[in-house]
Protein backbone atom coordinates (compact mmCIF):
# COMPACT_ATOMS: atom_id res chain seq x y z
CA UNK A 1 0.00 0.00 0.00
CA UNK A 2 1.35 3.40 -0.94
CA UNK A 3 1.73 6.05 1.72
CA UNK A 4 1.27 9.79 1.28
CA UNK A 5 1.57 12.59 3.82
CA UNK A 6 -1.42 14.83 4.28
CA UNK A 7 0.67 17.75 3.01
CA UNK A 8 1.58 15.86 -0.18
CA UNK A 9 -2.04 14.85 -0.60
CA UNK A 10 -3.17 18.47 -0.41
CA UNK A 11 -0.54 19.50 -2.98
CA UNK A 12 -1.02 16.53 -5.34
CA UNK A 13 -4.60 15.37 -4.84
CA UNK A 14 -5.27 14.66 -8.51
CA UNK A 15 -2.10 12.59 -8.90
CA UNK A 16 -2.79 10.54 -5.76
CA UNK A 17 -6.38 9.87 -6.79
CA UNK A 18 -5.32 8.96 -10.33
CA UNK A 19 -2.67 6.56 -8.96
CA UNK A 20 -5.24 4.87 -6.71
CA UNK A 21 -7.78 4.64 -9.53
CA UNK A 22 -5.32 3.31 -12.10
CA UNK A 23 -3.53 0.79 -9.87
CA UNK A 24 -6.53 -0.29 -7.78
CA UNK A 25 -4.34 -0.04 -4.67
CA UNK A 26 -5.24 2.19 -1.72
CA UNK A 27 -3.03 5.02 -0.48
CA UNK A 28 -2.53 5.46 3.25
CA UNK A 29 -2.65 9.11 4.32
CA UNK A 30 -0.35 10.04 7.20
CA UNK A 31 0.02 13.03 9.51
CA UNK A 32 3.42 13.31 11.20
CA UNK A 33 4.04 9.70 10.17
CA UNK A 34 0.87 8.32 11.79
CA UNK A 35 -1.93 6.90 9.61
CA UNK A 36 -5.09 9.04 9.67
CA UNK A 37 -7.06 8.04 6.55
CA UNK A 38 -6.97 6.04 3.35
CA UNK A 39 -7.81 6.83 -0.24
CA UNK A 40 -9.37 3.68 -1.64
CA UNK A 41 -10.49 2.72 -5.13
CA UNK A 42 -14.23 2.41 -5.60
CA UNK A 43 -15.85 -0.21 -7.80
CA UNK A 44 -18.88 1.56 -9.27
CA UNK A 45 -20.92 -1.64 -9.02
CA UNK A 46 -20.21 -1.80 -5.26
CA UNK A 47 -20.56 1.93 -4.54
CA UNK A 48 -24.02 1.74 -2.94
CA UNK A 49 -22.93 -1.09 -0.63
CA UNK A 50 -19.79 0.84 0.32
CA UNK A 51 -21.72 4.02 1.14
CA UNK A 52 -24.37 2.18 3.15
CA UNK A 53 -21.79 0.14 5.05
CA UNK A 54 -19.94 3.32 6.06
CA UNK A 55 -22.90 5.60 6.75
CA UNK A 56 -23.15 6.61 10.43
CA UNK A 57 -26.98 6.62 10.20
CA UNK A 58 -27.10 3.11 8.74
CA UNK A 59 -24.58 1.81 11.27
CA UNK A 60 -26.57 3.36 14.14
CA UNK A 61 -29.79 1.76 12.85
CA UNK A 62 -28.11 -1.64 12.57
CA UNK A 63 -26.79 -1.36 16.13
CA UNK A 64 -30.25 -0.38 17.40
CA UNK A 65 -31.78 -3.35 15.58
CA UNK A 66 -29.16 -5.70 17.05
CA UNK A 67 -29.84 -4.31 20.54
CA UNK A 68 -33.60 -4.82 20.08
CA UNK A 69 -33.04 -8.38 18.90
CA UNK A 70 -30.76 -9.16 21.84
CA UNK A 71 -33.30 -7.69 24.28
CA UNK A 72 -36.12 -9.69 22.73
CA UNK A 73 -37.95 -6.63 21.39
CA UNK A 74 -39.20 -8.32 18.25
CA UNK A 75 -42.46 -8.82 16.38
CA UNK A 76 -43.51 -11.45 13.94
CA UNK A 77 -43.88 -10.56 10.28
CA UNK A 78 -47.65 -11.09 10.61
CA UNK A 79 -47.80 -8.48 13.40
CA UNK A 80 -45.86 -5.98 11.29
CA UNK A 81 -48.04 -6.55 8.23
CA UNK A 82 -51.20 -6.25 10.34
CA UNK A 83 -50.02 -2.92 11.74
CA UNK A 84 -49.38 -1.59 8.24
CA UNK A 85 -53.02 -2.18 7.34
CA UNK A 86 -54.17 0.41 9.91
C-alpha atoms as a PDB file:
ATOM      1  CA  UNK A   1       0.000   0.000   0.000  1.00  0.00           C
ATOM      2  CA  UNK A   2       1.351   3.401  -0.944  1.00  0.00           C
ATOM      3  CA  UNK A   3       1.730   6.046   1.722  1.00  0.00           C
ATOM      4  CA  UNK A   4       1.272   9.795   1.278  1.00  0.00           C
ATOM      5  CA  UNK A   5       1.573  12.595   3.824  1.00  0.00           C
ATOM      6  CA  UNK A   6      -1.419  14.830   4.282  1.00  0.00           C
ATOM      7  CA  UNK A   7       0.671  17.747   3.012  1.00  0.00           C
ATOM      8  CA  UNK A   8       1.581  15.858  -0.180  1.00  0.00           C
ATOM      9  CA  UNK A   9      -2.040  14.847  -0.600  1.00  0.00           C
ATOM     10  CA  UNK A  10      -3.168  18.467  -0.406  1.00  0.00           C
ATOM     11  CA  UNK A  11      -0.544  19.498  -2.985  1.00  0.00           C
ATOM     12  CA  UNK A  12      -1.021  16.533  -5.344  1.00  0.00           C
ATOM     13  CA  UNK A  13      -4.601  15.365  -4.837  1.00  0.00           C
ATOM     14  CA  UNK A  14      -5.275  14.657  -8.511  1.00  0.00           C
ATOM     15  CA  UNK A  15      -2.101  12.593  -8.899  1.00  0.00           C
ATOM     16  CA  UNK A  16      -2.789  10.540  -5.759  1.00  0.00           C
ATOM     17  CA  UNK A  17      -6.385   9.871  -6.787  1.00  0.00           C
ATOM     18  CA  UNK A  18      -5.323   8.959 -10.325  1.00  0.00           C
ATOM     19  CA  UNK A  19      -2.666   6.558  -8.958  1.00  0.00           C
ATOM     20  CA  UNK A  20      -5.242   4.865  -6.708  1.00  0.00           C
ATOM     21  CA  UNK A  21      -7.784   4.635  -9.529  1.00  0.00           C
ATOM     22  CA  UNK A  22      -5.322   3.307 -12.105  1.00  0.00           C
ATOM     23  CA  UNK A  23      -3.532   0.790  -9.871  1.00  0.00           C
ATOM     24  CA  UNK A  24      -6.530  -0.287  -7.784  1.00  0.00           C
ATOM     25  CA  UNK A  25      -4.337  -0.045  -4.672  1.00  0.00           C
ATOM     26  CA  UNK A  26      -5.242   2.189  -1.718  1.00  0.00           C
ATOM     27  CA  UNK A  27      -3.028   5.018  -0.481  1.00  0.00           C
ATOM     28  CA  UNK A  28      -2.532   5.459   3.246  1.00  0.00           C
ATOM     29  CA  UNK A  29      -2.652   9.114   4.323  1.00  0.00           C
ATOM     30  CA  UNK A  30      -0.350  10.036   7.199  1.00  0.00           C
ATOM     31  CA  UNK A  31       0.021  13.034   9.514  1.00  0.00           C
ATOM     32  CA  UNK A  32       3.417  13.314  11.198  1.00  0.00           C
ATOM     33  CA  UNK A  33       4.036   9.703  10.169  1.00  0.00           C
ATOM     34  CA  UNK A  34       0.872   8.320  11.794  1.00  0.00           C
ATOM     35  CA  UNK A  35      -1.933   6.902   9.611  1.00  0.00           C
ATOM     36  CA  UNK A  36      -5.090   9.040   9.673  1.00  0.00           C
ATOM     37  CA  UNK A  37      -7.056   8.038   6.550  1.00  0.00           C
ATOM     38  CA  UNK A  38      -6.974   6.044   3.354  1.00  0.00           C
ATOM     39  CA  UNK A  39      -7.806   6.829  -0.245  1.00  0.00           C
ATOM     40  CA  UNK A  40      -9.372   3.677  -1.636  1.00  0.00           C
ATOM     41  CA  UNK A  41     -10.486   2.720  -5.132  1.00  0.00           C
ATOM     42  CA  UNK A  42     -14.232   2.414  -5.603  1.00  0.00           C
ATOM     43  CA  UNK A  43     -15.852  -0.211  -7.804  1.00  0.00           C
ATOM     44  CA  UNK A  44     -18.885   1.564  -9.273  1.00  0.00           C
ATOM     45  CA  UNK A  45     -20.918  -1.639  -9.019  1.00  0.00           C
ATOM     46  CA  UNK A  46     -20.215  -1.803  -5.261  1.00  0.00           C
ATOM     47  CA  UNK A  47     -20.561   1.925  -4.545  1.00  0.00           C
ATOM     48  CA  UNK A  48     -24.017   1.741  -2.940  1.00  0.00           C
ATOM     49  CA  UNK A  49     -22.934  -1.093  -0.627  1.00  0.00           C
ATOM     50  CA  UNK A  50     -19.788   0.844   0.320  1.00  0.00           C
ATOM     51  CA  UNK A  51     -21.723   4.019   1.137  1.00  0.00           C
ATOM     52  CA  UNK A  52     -24.369   2.175   3.147  1.00  0.00           C
ATOM     53  CA  UNK A  53     -21.787   0.141   5.053  1.00  0.00           C
ATOM     54  CA  UNK A  54     -19.944   3.317   6.057  1.00  0.00           C
ATOM     55  CA  UNK A  55     -22.904   5.603   6.754  1.00  0.00           C
ATOM     56  CA  UNK A  56     -23.154   6.613  10.428  1.00  0.00           C
ATOM     57  CA  UNK A  57     -26.979   6.616  10.201  1.00  0.00           C
ATOM     58  CA  UNK A  58     -27.103   3.109   8.740  1.00  0.00           C
ATOM     59  CA  UNK A  59     -24.579   1.813  11.270  1.00  0.00           C
ATOM     60  CA  UNK A  60     -26.574   3.359  14.143  1.00  0.00           C
ATOM     61  CA  UNK A  61     -29.792   1.763  12.850  1.00  0.00           C
ATOM     62  CA  UNK A  62     -28.109  -1.638  12.569  1.00  0.00           C
ATOM     63  CA  UNK A  63     -26.789  -1.360  16.135  1.00  0.00           C
ATOM     64  CA  UNK A  64     -30.254  -0.382  17.397  1.00  0.00           C
ATOM     65  CA  UNK A  65     -31.775  -3.347  15.579  1.00  0.00           C
ATOM     66  CA  UNK A  66     -29.161  -5.699  17.047  1.00  0.00           C
ATOM     67  CA  UNK A  67     -29.836  -4.308  20.544  1.00  0.00           C
ATOM     68  CA  UNK A  68     -33.596  -4.817  20.081  1.00  0.00           C
ATOM     69  CA  UNK A  69     -33.043  -8.378  18.898  1.00  0.00           C
ATOM     70  CA  UNK A  70     -30.757  -9.155  21.838  1.00  0.00           C
ATOM     71  CA  UNK A  71     -33.300  -7.688  24.282  1.00  0.00           C
ATOM     72  CA  UNK A  72     -36.125  -9.695  22.732  1.00  0.00           C
ATOM     73  CA  UNK A  73     -37.955  -6.635  21.392  1.00  0.00           C
ATOM     74  CA  UNK A  74     -39.201  -8.316  18.245  1.00  0.00           C
ATOM     75  CA  UNK A  75     -42.456  -8.818  16.382  1.00  0.00           C
ATOM     76  CA  UNK A  76     -43.510 -11.453  13.938  1.00  0.00           C
ATOM     77  CA  UNK A  77     -43.882 -10.561  10.279  1.00  0.00           C
ATOM     78  CA  UNK A  78     -47.647 -11.094  10.613  1.00  0.00           C
ATOM     79  CA  UNK A  79     -47.804  -8.479  13.402  1.00  0.00           C
ATOM     80  CA  UNK A  80     -45.860  -5.982  11.291  1.00  0.00           C
ATOM     81  CA  UNK A  81     -48.042  -6.547   8.230  1.00  0.00           C
ATOM     82  CA  UNK A  82     -51.196  -6.252  10.340  1.00  0.00           C
ATOM     83  CA  UNK A  83     -50.017  -2.922  11.742  1.00  0.00           C
ATOM     84  CA  UNK A  84     -49.382  -1.594   8.237  1.00  0.00           C
ATOM     85  CA  UNK A  85     -53.015  -2.179   7.342  1.00  0.00           C
ATOM     86  CA  UNK A  86     -54.174   0.412   9.914  1.00  0.00           C
END
